[in-house]
Amino acid sequence: MQVLGIYSWVDERASDLSNFDVSTLPAYGRLDVRGIWTSPDETLTGTLFVQNVFDEIGVIEYLHQSTIGGAPASGTLTEPRTIGLEIRWRPNF
């Protein structure tokens, strides 16, 4: 049995070169965990994982409304919490 946890932190930062307060993106953290079990004969492996355990949504990038052509503001968010199970079978032929 193996257990793995990864925590990452992204501090607040500017979304463009202006460095104005209005362009500051908030800080966020993310915790991912994974548990892996392998059978004694190594033919079966099960992995249970949770990505973004605390379901904290962060802003990855943000583009303000353009003054040229009136393009709307847009941005990209982090993925929400994801839970999954992977099972692998490796037959011994």
PDB file of N, CA and C in Angstrom:
ATOM      1  N   MET A   1       0.844  -1.171   0.000  1.00  0.00           N
ATOM      2  CA  MET A   1       0.000   0.000   0.000  1.00  0.00           C
ATOM      3  C   MET A   1       0.889   1.234   0.000  1.00  0.00           C
ATOM      4  N   GLN A   2       0.593   2.175  -0.875  1.00  0.00           N
ATOM      5  CA  GLN A   2       1.312   3.441  -0.937  1.00  0.00           C
ATOM      6  C   GLN A   2       0.304   4.578  -0.817  1.00  0.00           C
ATOM      7  N   VAL A   3       0.681   5.627  -0.089  1.00  0.00           N
ATOM      8  CA  VAL A   3      -0.153   6.810   0.030  1.00  0.00           C
ATOM      9  C   VAL A   3       0.705   8.014  -0.336  1.00  0.00           C
ATOM     10  N   LEU A   4       0.149   8.871  -1.180  1.00  0.00           N
ATOM     11  CA  LEU A   4       0.886  10.039  -1.650  1.00  0.00           C
ATOM     12  C   LEU A   4      -0.004  11.264  -1.512  1.00  0.00           C
ATOM     13  N   GLY A   5       0.562  12.346  -1.026  1.00  0.00           N
ATOM     14  CA  GLY A   5      -0.150  13.617  -0.934  1.00  0.00           C
ATOM     15  C   GLY A   5       0.718  14.721  -1.491  1.00  0.00           C
ATOM     16  N   ILE A   6       0.116  15.607  -2.257  1.00  0.00           N
ATOM     17  CA  ILE A   6       0.848  16.734  -2.836  1.00  0.00           C
ATOM     18  C   ILE A   6       0.061  18.007  -2.542  1.00  0.00           C
ATOM     19  N   TYR A   7       0.734  18.974  -1.916  1.00  0.00           N
ATOM     20  CA  TYR A   7       0.120  20.272  -1.670  1.00  0.00           C
ATOM     21  C   TYR A   7       0.876  21.313  -2.478  1.00  0.00           C
ATOM     22  N   SER A   8       0.141  22.144  -3.189  1.00  0.00           N
ATOM     23  CA  SER A   8       0.784  23.226  -3.935  1.00  0.00           C
ATOM     24  C   SER A   8       0.116  24.549  -3.591  1.00  0.00           C
ATOM     25  N   TRP A   9       0.892  25.609  -3.629  1.00  0.00           N
ATOM     26  CA  TRP A   9       0.411  26.943  -3.284  1.00  0.00           C
ATOM     27  C   TRP A   9       0.779  27.889  -4.418  1.00  0.00           C
ATOM     28  N   VAL A  10      -0.189  28.679  -4.851  1.00  0.00           N
ATOM     29  CA  VAL A  10       0.043  29.724  -5.845  1.00  0.00           C
ATOM     30  C   VAL A  10      -0.286  31.039  -5.159  1.00  0.00           C
ATOM     31  N   ASP A  11       0.722  31.881  -4.993  1.00  0.00           N
ATOM     32  CA  ASP A  11       0.536  33.149  -4.291  1.00  0.00           C
ATOM     33  C   ASP A  11      -0.177  34.153  -5.193  1.00  0.00           C
ATOM     34  N   GLU A  12      -0.657  35.252  -4.614  1.00  0.00           N
ATOM     35  CA  GLU A  12      -1.315  36.251  -5.450  1.00  0.00           C
ATOM     36  C   GLU A  12      -0.296  36.812  -6.431  1.00  0.00           C
ATOM     37  N   ARG A  13      -0.800  37.185  -7.600  1.00  0.00           N
ATOM     38  CA  ARG A  13       0.075  37.647  -8.670  1.00  0.00           C
ATOM     39  C   ARG A  13      -0.723  38.523  -9.619  1.00  0.00           C
ATOM     40  N   ALA A  14      -0.022  39.285 -10.444  1.00  0.00           N
ATOM     41  CA  ALA A  14      -0.676  40.160 -11.417  1.00  0.00           C
ATOM     42  C   ALA A  14      -1.073  39.350 -12.640  1.00  0.00           C
ATOM     43  N   SER A  15      -2.233  39.669 -13.201  1.00  0.00           N
ATOM     44  CA  SER A  15      -2.696  38.951 -14.388  1.00  0.00           C
ATOM     45  C   SER A  15      -2.179  39.579 -15.674  1.00  0.00           C
ATOM     46  N   ASP A  16      -1.571  40.750 -15.570  1.00  0.00           N
ATOM     47  CA  ASP A  16      -0.993  41.386 -16.756  1.00  0.00           C
ATOM     48  C   ASP A  16       0.229  42.205 -16.339  1.00  0.00           C
ATOM     49  N   LEU A  17       0.805  42.891 -17.285  1.00  0.00           N
ATOM     50  CA  LEU A  17       2.042  43.628 -17.010  1.00  0.00           C
ATOM     51  C   LEU A  17       1.838  44.937 -16.264  1.00  0.00           C
ATOM     52  N   SER A  18       0.588  45.369 -16.097  1.00  0.00           N
ATOM     53  CA  SER A  18       0.339  46.663 -15.459  1.00  0.00           C
ATOM     54  C   SER A  18       0.670  46.672 -13.974  1.00  0.00           C
ATOM     55  N   ASN A  19       0.497  45.535 -13.298  1.00  0.00           N
ATOM     56  CA  ASN A  19       0.687  45.413 -11.853  1.00  0.00           C
ATOM     57  C   ASN A  19      -0.241  46.323 -11.039  1.00  0.00           C
ATOM     58  N   PHE A  20      -1.368  46.721 -11.614  1.00  0.00           N
ATOM     59  CA  PHE A  20      -2.373  47.474 -10.861  1.00  0.00           C
ATOM     60  C   PHE A  20      -3.101  46.524  -9.929  1.00  0.00           C
ATOM     61  N   ASP A  21      -3.611  47.070  -8.806  1.00  0.00           N
ATOM     62  CA  ASP A  21      -4.345  46.234  -7.845  1.00  0.00           C
ATOM     63  C   ASP A  21      -5.516  45.504  -8.493  1.00  0.00           C
ATOM     64  N   VAL A  22      -6.173  46.146  -9.452  1.00  0.00           N
ATOM     65  CA  VAL A  22      -7.339  45.533 -10.104  1.00  0.00           C
ATOM     66  C   VAL A  22      -6.954  44.265 -10.878  1.00  0.00           C
ATOM     67  N   SER A  23      -5.689  44.134 -11.232  1.00  0.00           N
ATOM     68  CA  SER A  23      -5.262  42.957 -11.999  1.00  0.00           C
ATOM     69  C   SER A  23      -4.679  41.853 -11.116  1.00  0.00           C
ATOM     70  N   THR A  24      -4.739  42.015  -9.784  1.00  0.00           N
ATOM     71  CA  THR A  24      -4.176  41.019  -8.874  1.00  0.00           C
ATOM     72  C   THR A  24      -5.109  39.812  -8.750  1.00  0.00           C
ATOM     73  N   LEU A  25      -4.555  38.639  -8.995  1.00  0.00           N
ATOM     74  CA  LEU A  25      -5.300  37.388  -8.837  1.00  0.00           C
ATOM     75  C   LEU A  25      -5.079  36.861  -7.428  1.00  0.00           C
ATOM     76  N   PRO A  26      -6.122  36.373  -6.766  1.00  0.00           N
ATOM     77  CA  PRO A  26      -5.967  35.905  -5.385  1.00  0.00           C
ATOM     78  C   PRO A  26      -5.141  34.614  -5.302  1.00  0.00           C
ATOM     79  N   ALA A  27      -4.511  34.423  -4.147  1.00  0.00           N
ATOM     80  CA  ALA A  27      -3.739  33.204  -3.882  1.00  0.00           C
ATOM     81  C   ALA A  27      -4.693  32.028  -3.662  1.00  0.00           C
ATOM     82  N   TYR A  28      -4.187  30.814  -3.904  1.00  0.00           N
ATOM     83  CA  TYR A  28      -4.976  29.615  -3.618  1.00  0.00           C
ATOM     84  C   TYR A  28      -4.043  28.424  -3.396  1.00  0.00           C
ATOM     85  N   GLY A  29      -4.538  27.444  -2.673  1.00  0.00           N
ATOM     86  CA  GLY A  29      -3.792  26.218  -2.426  1.00  0.00           C
ATOM     87  C   GLY A  29      -4.566  25.031  -2.954  1.00  0.00           C
ATOM     88  N   ARG A  30      -3.861  23.929  -3.127  1.00  0.00           N
ATOM     89  CA  ARG A  30      -4.500  22.720  -3.648  1.00  0.00           C
ATOM     90  C   ARG A  30      -3.824  21.498  -3.036  1.00  0.00           C
ATOM     91  N   LEU A  31      -4.658  20.547  -2.575  1.00  0.00           N
ATOM     92  CA  LEU A  31      -4.156  19.296  -2.027  1.00  0.00           C
ATOM     93  C   LEU A  31      -4.714  18.145  -2.869  1.00  0.00           C
ATOM     94  N   ASP A  32      -3.821  17.294  -3.346  1.00  0.00           N
ATOM     95  CA  ASP A  32      -4.190  16.077  -4.069  1.00  0.00           C
ATOM     96  C   ASP A  32      -3.673  14.888  -3.264  1.00  0.00           C
ATOM     97  N   VAL A  33      -4.494  13.835  -3.123  1.00  0.00           N
ATOM     98  CA  VAL A  33      -4.059  12.618  -2.426  1.00  0.00           C
ATOM     99  C   VAL A  33      -4.365  11.397  -3.284  1.00  0.00           C
ATOM    100  N   ARG A  34      -3.558  10.368  -3.065  1.00  0.00           N
ATOM    101  CA  ARG A  34      -3.687   9.140  -3.851  1.00  0.00           C
ATOM    102  C   ARG A  34      -3.249   7.963  -2.995  1.00  0.00           C
ATOM    103  N   GLY A  35      -4.022   6.897  -3.018  1.00  0.00           N
ATOM    104  CA  GLY A  35      -3.669   5.654  -2.348  1.00  0.00           C
ATOM    105  C   GLY A  35      -3.594   4.542  -3.382  1.00  0.00           C
ATOM    106  N   ILE A  36      -2.516   3.768  -3.347  1.00  0.00           N
ATOM    107  CA  ILE A  36      -2.306   2.714  -4.350  1.00  0.00           C
ATOM    108  C   ILE A  36      -2.093   1.391  -3.627  1.00  0.00           C
ATOM    109  N   TRP A  37      -2.857   0.387  -4.033  1.00  0.00           N
ATOM    110  CA  TRP A  37      -2.708  -0.958  -3.488  1.00  0.00           C
ATOM    111  C   TRP A  37      -2.366  -1.899  -4.637  1.00  0.00           C
ATOM    112  N   THR A  38      -1.397  -2.778  -4.410  1.00  0.00           N
ATOM    113  CA  THR A  38      -1.005  -3.776  -5.406  1.00  0.00           C
ATOM    114  C   THR A  38      -1.093  -5.145  -4.771  1.00  0.00           C
ATOM    115  N   SER A  39      -1.696  -6.099  -5.496  1.00  0.00           N
ATOM    116  CA  SER A  39      -1.827  -7.465  -4.985  1.00  0.00           C
ATOM    117  C   SER A  39      -0.448  -8.107  -4.860  1.00  0.00           C
ATOM    118  N   PRO A  40      -0.318  -9.126  -3.998  1.00  0.00           N
ATOM    119  CA  PRO A  40       0.987  -9.771  -3.799  1.00  0.00           C
ATOM    120  C   PRO A  40       1.605 -10.319  -5.085  1.00  0.00           C
ATOM    121  N   ASP A  41       0.772 -10.809  -6.021  1.00  0.00           N
ATOM    122  CA  ASP A  41       1.335 -11.334  -7.275  1.00  0.00           C
ATOM    123  C   ASP A  41       1.455 -10.255  -8.354  1.00  0.00           C
ATOM    124  N   GLU A  42       1.146  -9.027  -8.008  1.00  0.00           N
ATOM    125  CA  GLU A  42       1.278  -7.847  -8.865  1.00  0.00           C
ATOM    126  C   GLU A  42       0.428  -7.900 -10.132  1.00  0.00           C
ATOM    127  N   THR A  43      -0.640  -8.684 -10.132  1.00  0.00           N
ATOM    128  CA  THR A  43      -1.522  -8.729 -11.301  1.00  0.00           C
ATOM    129  C   THR A  43      -2.653  -7.707 -11.196  1.00  0.00           C
ATOM    130  N   LEU A  44      -2.952  -7.261  -9.987  1.00  0.00           N
ATOM    131  CA  LEU A  44      -4.054  -6.334  -9.779  1.00  0.00           C
ATOM    132  C   LEU A  44      -3.566  -5.119  -8.986  1.00  0.00           C
ATOM    133  N   THR A  45      -3.924  -3.928  -9.476  1.00  0.00           N
ATOM    134  CA  THR A  45      -3.574  -2.678  -8.797  1.00  0.00           C
ATOM    135  C   THR A  45      -4.818  -1.812  -8.721  1.00  0.00           C
ATOM    136  N   GLY A  46      -5.079  -1.269  -7.544  1.00  0.00           N
ATOM    137  CA  GLY A  46      -6.192  -0.344  -7.362  1.00  0.00           C
ATOM    138  C   GLY A  46      -5.678   0.994  -6.859  1.00  0.00           C
ATOM    139  N   THR A  47      -6.164   2.064  -7.453  1.00  0.00           N
ATOM    140  CA  THR A  47      -5.752   3.408  -7.067  1.00  0.00           C
ATOM    141  C   THR A  47      -6.996   4.237  -6.789  1.00  0.00           C
ATOM    142  N   LEU A  48      -7.068   4.807  -5.602  1.00  0.00           N
ATOM    143  CA  LEU A  48      -8.137   5.725  -5.231  1.00  0.00           C
ATOM    144  C   LEU A  48      -7.503   7.105  -5.121  1.00  0.00           C
ATOM    145  N   PHE A  49      -8.116   8.097  -5.784  1.00  0.00           N
ATOM    146  CA  PHE A  49      -7.528   9.431  -5.750  1.00  0.00           C
ATOM    147  C   PHE A  49      -8.586  10.503  -5.522  1.00  0.00           C
ATOM    148  N   VAL A  50      -8.133  11.596  -4.924  1.00  0.00           N
ATOM    149  CA  VAL A  50      -8.949  12.794  -4.766  1.00  0.00           C
ATOM    150  C   VAL A  50      -8.065  13.967  -5.174  1.00  0.00           C
ATOM    151  N   GLN A  51      -8.480  14.670  -6.210  1.00  0.00           N
ATOM    152  CA  GLN A  51      -7.759  15.852  -6.645  1.00  0.00           C
ATOM    153  C   GLN A  51      -8.520  17.084  -6.167  1.00  0.00           C
ATOM    154  N   ASN A  52      -7.786  18.072  -5.671  1.00  0.00           N
ATOM    155  CA  ASN A  52      -8.359  19.294  -5.107  1.00  0.00           C
ATOM    156  C   ASN A  52      -9.288  18.940  -3.935  1.00  0.00           C
ATOM    157  N   VAL A  53      -8.715  18.302  -2.925  1.00  0.00           N
ATOM    158  CA  VAL A  53      -9.454  17.772  -1.777  1.00  0.00           C
ATOM    159  C   VAL A  53     -10.407  18.797  -1.157  1.00  0.00           C
ATOM    160  N   PHE A  54      -9.955  20.033  -0.966  1.00  0.00           N
ATOM    161  CA  PHE A  54     -10.771  21.050  -0.296  1.00  0.00           C
ATOM    162  C   PHE A  54     -11.676  21.804  -1.257  1.00  0.00           C
ATOM    163  N   ASP A  55     -11.673  21.419  -2.524  1.00  0.00           N
ATOM    164  CA  ASP A  55     -12.528  22.021  -3.557  1.00  0.00           C
ATOM    165  C   ASP A  55     -12.356  23.539  -3.619  1.00  0.00           C
ATOM    166  N   GLU A  56     -11.104  23.977  -3.485  1.00  0.00           N
ATOM    167  CA  GLU A  56     -10.810  25.408  -3.550  1.00  0.00           C
ATOM    168  C   GLU A  56     -10.584  25.788  -5.008  1.00  0.00           C
ATOM    169  N   ILE A  57     -11.408  26.687  -5.510  1.00  0.00           N
ATOM    170  CA  ILE A  57     -11.307  27.111  -6.903  1.00  0.00           C
ATOM    171  C   ILE A  57     -10.445  28.367  -6.966  1.00  0.00           C
ATOM    172  N   GLY A  58      -9.426  28.318  -7.814  1.00  0.00           N
ATOM    173  CA  GLY A  58      -8.528  29.446  -7.991  1.00  0.00           C
ATOM    174  C   GLY A  58      -8.592  29.953  -9.424  1.00  0.00           C
ATOM    175  N   VAL A  59      -8.161  31.187  -9.603  1.00  0.00           N
ATOM    176  CA  VAL A  59      -8.114  31.792 -10.937  1.00  0.00           C
ATOM    177  C   VAL A  59      -6.715  31.574 -11.493  1.00  0.00           C
ATOM    178  N   ILE A  60      -6.633  30.853 -12.611  1.00  0.00           N
ATOM    179  CA  ILE A  60      -5.340  30.584 -13.238  1.00  0.00           C
ATOM    180  C   ILE A  60      -4.893  31.782 -14.067  1.00  0.00           C
ATOM    181  N   GLU A  61      -5.818  32.323 -14.857  1.00  0.00           N
ATOM    182  CA  GLU A  61      -5.513  33.504 -15.664  1.00  0.00           C
ATOM    183  C   GLU A  61      -6.778  34.335 -15.827  1.00  0.00           C
ATOM    184  N   TYR A  62      -6.592  35.626 -16.076  1.00  0.00           N
ATOM    185  CA  TYR A  62      -7.735  36.514 -16.248  1.00  0.00           C
ATOM    186  C   TYR A  62      -7.352  37.603 -17.232  1.00  0.00           C
ATOM    187  N   LEU A  63      -8.172  37.796 -18.228  1.00  0.00           N
ATOM    188  CA  LEU A  63      -7.952  38.845 -19.220  1.00  0.00           C
ATOM    189  C   LEU A  63      -9.054  39.877 -19.051  1.00  0.00           C
ATOM    190  N   HIS A  64      -8.676  41.105 -18.754  1.00  0.00           N
ATOM    191  CA  HIS A  64      -9.644  42.180 -18.553  1.00  0.00           C
ATOM    192  C   HIS A  64     -10.319  42.536 -19.868  1.00  0.00           C
ATOM    193  N   GLN A  65     -11.403  43.248 -19.775  1.00  0.00           N
ATOM    194  CA  GLN A  65     -12.118  43.688 -20.966  1.00  0.00           C
ATOM    195  C   GLN A  65     -11.204  44.562 -21.808  1.00  0.00           C
ATOM    196  N   SER A  66     -11.173  44.274 -23.076  1.00  0.00           N
ATOM    197  CA  SER A  66     -10.324  45.016 -23.993  1.00  0.00           C
ATOM    198  C   SER A  66     -10.947  46.366 -24.322  1.00  0.00           C
ATOM    199  N   THR A  67     -10.108  47.408 -24.379  1.00  0.00           N
ATOM    200  CA  THR A  67     -10.599  48.721 -24.795  1.00  0.00           C
ATOM    201  C   THR A  67     -10.626  48.828 -26.311  1.00  0.00           C
ATOM    202  N   ILE A  68      -9.996  47.886 -26.967  1.00  0.00           N
ATOM    203  CA  ILE A  68      -9.993  47.868 -28.433  1.00  0.00           C
ATOM    204  C   ILE A  68     -10.955  46.787 -28.894  1.00  0.00           C
ATOM    205  N   GLY A  69     -12.024  47.185 -29.526  1.00  0.00           N
ATOM    206  CA  GLY A  69     -12.989  46.222 -30.050  1.00  0.00           C
ATOM    207  C   GLY A  69     -13.994  45.737 -29.027  1.00  0.00           C
ATOM    208  N   GLY A  70     -13.858  46.113 -27.767  1.00  0.00           N
ATOM    209  CA  GLY A  70     -14.850  45.755 -26.755  1.00  0.00           C
ATOM    210  C   GLY A  70     -14.945  44.278 -26.438  1.00  0.00           C
ATOM    211  N   ALA A  71     -13.864  43.525 -26.569  1.00  0.00           N
ATOM    212  CA  ALA A  71     -13.885  42.093 -26.242  1.00  0.00           C
ATOM    213  C   ALA A  71     -14.191  41.915 -24.755  1.00  0.00           C
ATOM    214  N   PRO A  72     -15.058  40.984 -24.398  1.00  0.00           N
ATOM    215  CA  PRO A  72     -15.416  40.792 -22.981  1.00  0.00           C
ATOM    216  C   PRO A  72     -14.263  40.198 -22.178  1.00  0.00           C
ATOM    217  N   ALA A  73     -14.312  40.403 -20.875  1.00  0.00           N
ATOM    218  CA  ALA A  73     -13.321  39.804 -19.982  1.00  0.00           C
ATOM    219  C   ALA A  73     -13.493  38.289 -19.986  1.00  0.00           C
ATOM    220  N   SER A  74     -12.396  37.586 -19.806  1.00  0.00           N
ATOM    221  CA  SER A  74     -12.462  36.122 -19.753  1.00  0.00           C
ATOM    222  C   SER A  74     -11.363  35.615 -18.831  1.00  0.00           C
ATOM    223  N   GLY A  75     -11.523  34.388 -18.374  1.00  0.00           N
ATOM    224  CA  GLY A  75     -10.529  33.815 -17.477  1.00  0.00           C
ATOM    225  C   GLY A  75     -10.613  32.304 -17.450  1.00  0.00           C
ATOM    226  N   THR A  76      -9.681  31.698 -16.724  1.00  0.00           N
ATOM    227  CA  THR A  76      -9.624  30.250 -16.580  1.00  0.00           C
ATOM    228  C   THR A  76      -9.534  29.918 -15.098  1.00  0.00           C
ATOM    229  N   LEU A  77     -10.353  28.963 -14.650  1.00  0.00           N
ATOM    230  CA  LEU A  77     -10.367  28.538 -13.251  1.00  0.00           C
ATOM    231  C   LEU A  77      -9.722  27.170 -13.103  1.00  0.00           C
ATOM    232  N   THR A  78      -9.327  26.849 -11.869  1.00  0.00           N
ATOM    233  CA  THR A  78      -8.813  25.512 -11.588  1.00  0.00           C
ATOM    234  C   THR A  78      -9.963  24.507 -11.632  1.00  0.00           C
ATOM    235  N   GLU A  79      -9.620  23.243 -11.709  1.00  0.00           N
ATOM    236  CA  GLU A  79     -10.618  22.175 -11.742  1.00  0.00           C
ATOM    237  C   GLU A  79     -11.254  22.007 -10.360  1.00  0.00           C
ATOM    238  N   PRO A  80     -12.536  21.649 -10.295  1.00  0.00           N
ATOM    239  CA  PRO A  80     -13.159  21.370  -8.996  1.00  0.00           C
ATOM    240  C   PRO A  80     -12.670  20.023  -8.452  1.00  0.00           C
ATOM    241  N   ARG A  81     -13.115  19.666  -7.250  1.00  0.00           N
ATOM    242  CA  ARG A  81     -12.737  18.385  -6.647  1.00  0.00           C
ATOM    243  C   ARG A  81     -13.121  17.241  -7.585  1.00  0.00           C
ATOM    244  N   THR A  82     -12.211  16.306  -7.729  1.00  0.00           N
ATOM    245  CA  THR A  82     -12.439  15.117  -8.549  1.00  0.00           C
ATOM    246  C   THR A  82     -12.057  13.896  -7.735  1.00  0.00           C
ATOM    247  N   ILE A  83     -12.954  12.912  -7.691  1.00  0.00           N
ATOM    248  CA  ILE A  83     -12.694  11.661  -6.971  1.00  0.00           C
ATOM    249  C   ILE A  83     -12.782  10.528  -7.978  1.00  0.00           C
ATOM    250  N   GLY A  84     -11.837   9.612  -7.886  1.00  0.00           N
ATOM    251  CA  GLY A  84     -11.860   8.517  -8.853  1.00  0.00           C
ATOM    252  C   GLY A  84     -11.210   7.252  -8.333  1.00  0.00           C
ATOM    253  N   LEU A  85     -11.470   6.185  -9.053  1.00  0.00           N
ATOM    254  CA  LEU A  85     -10.907   4.874  -8.755  1.00  0.00           C
ATOM    255  C   LEU A  85     -10.406   4.275 -10.057  1.00  0.00           C
ATOM    256  N   GLU A  86      -9.164   3.825 -10.050  1.00  0.00           N
ATOM    257  CA  GLU A  86      -8.575   3.155 -11.209  1.00  0.00           C
ATOM    258  C   GLU A  86      -8.247   1.727 -10.808  1.00  0.00           C
ATOM    259  N   ILE A  87      -8.597   0.787 -11.652  1.00  0.00           N
ATOM    260  CA  ILE A  87      -8.249  -0.619 -11.413  1.00  0.00           C
ATOM    261  C   ILE A  87      -7.518  -1.125 -12.648  1.00  0.00           C
ATOM    262  N   ARG A  88      -6.365  -1.748 -12.416  1.00  0.00           N
ATOM    263  CA  ARG A  88      -5.559  -2.300 -13.518  1.00  0.00           C
ATOM    264  C   ARG A  88      -5.360  -3.790 -13.287  1.00  0.00           C
ATOM    265  N   TRP A  89      -5.500  -4.533 -14.361  1.00  0.00           N
ATOM    266  CA  TRP A  89      -5.283  -5.973 -14.308  1.00  0.00           C
ATOM    267  C   TRP A  89      -4.202  -6.318 -15.305  1.00  0.00           C
ATOM    268  N   ARG A  90      -3.165  -6.982 -14.831  1.00  0.00           N
ATOM    269  CA  ARG A  90      -2.039  -7.403 -15.674  1.00  0.00           C
ATOM    270  C   ARG A  90      -1.936  -8.932 -15.578  1.00  0.00           C
ATOM    271  N   PRO A  91      -2.578  -9.615 -16.500  1.00  0.00           N
ATOM    272  CA  PRO A  91      -2.567 -11.079 -16.409  1.00  0.00           C
ATOM    273  C   PRO A  91      -1.160 -11.646 -16.657  1.00  0.00           C
ATOM    274  N   ASN A  92      -0.868 -12.727 -15.998  1.00  0.00           N
ATOM    275  CA  ASN A  92       0.406 -13.440 -16.182  1.00  0.00           C
ATOM    276  C   ASN A  92       0.168 -14.588 -17.150  1.00  0.00           C
ATOM    277  N   PHE A  93       0.456 -14.370 -18.404  1.00  0.00           N
ATOM    278  CA  PHE A  93       0.268 -15.440 -19.408  1.00  0.00           C
ATOM    279  C   PHE A  93       1.500 -16.265 -19.551  1.00  0.00           C
TER     280      PHE A  93
END
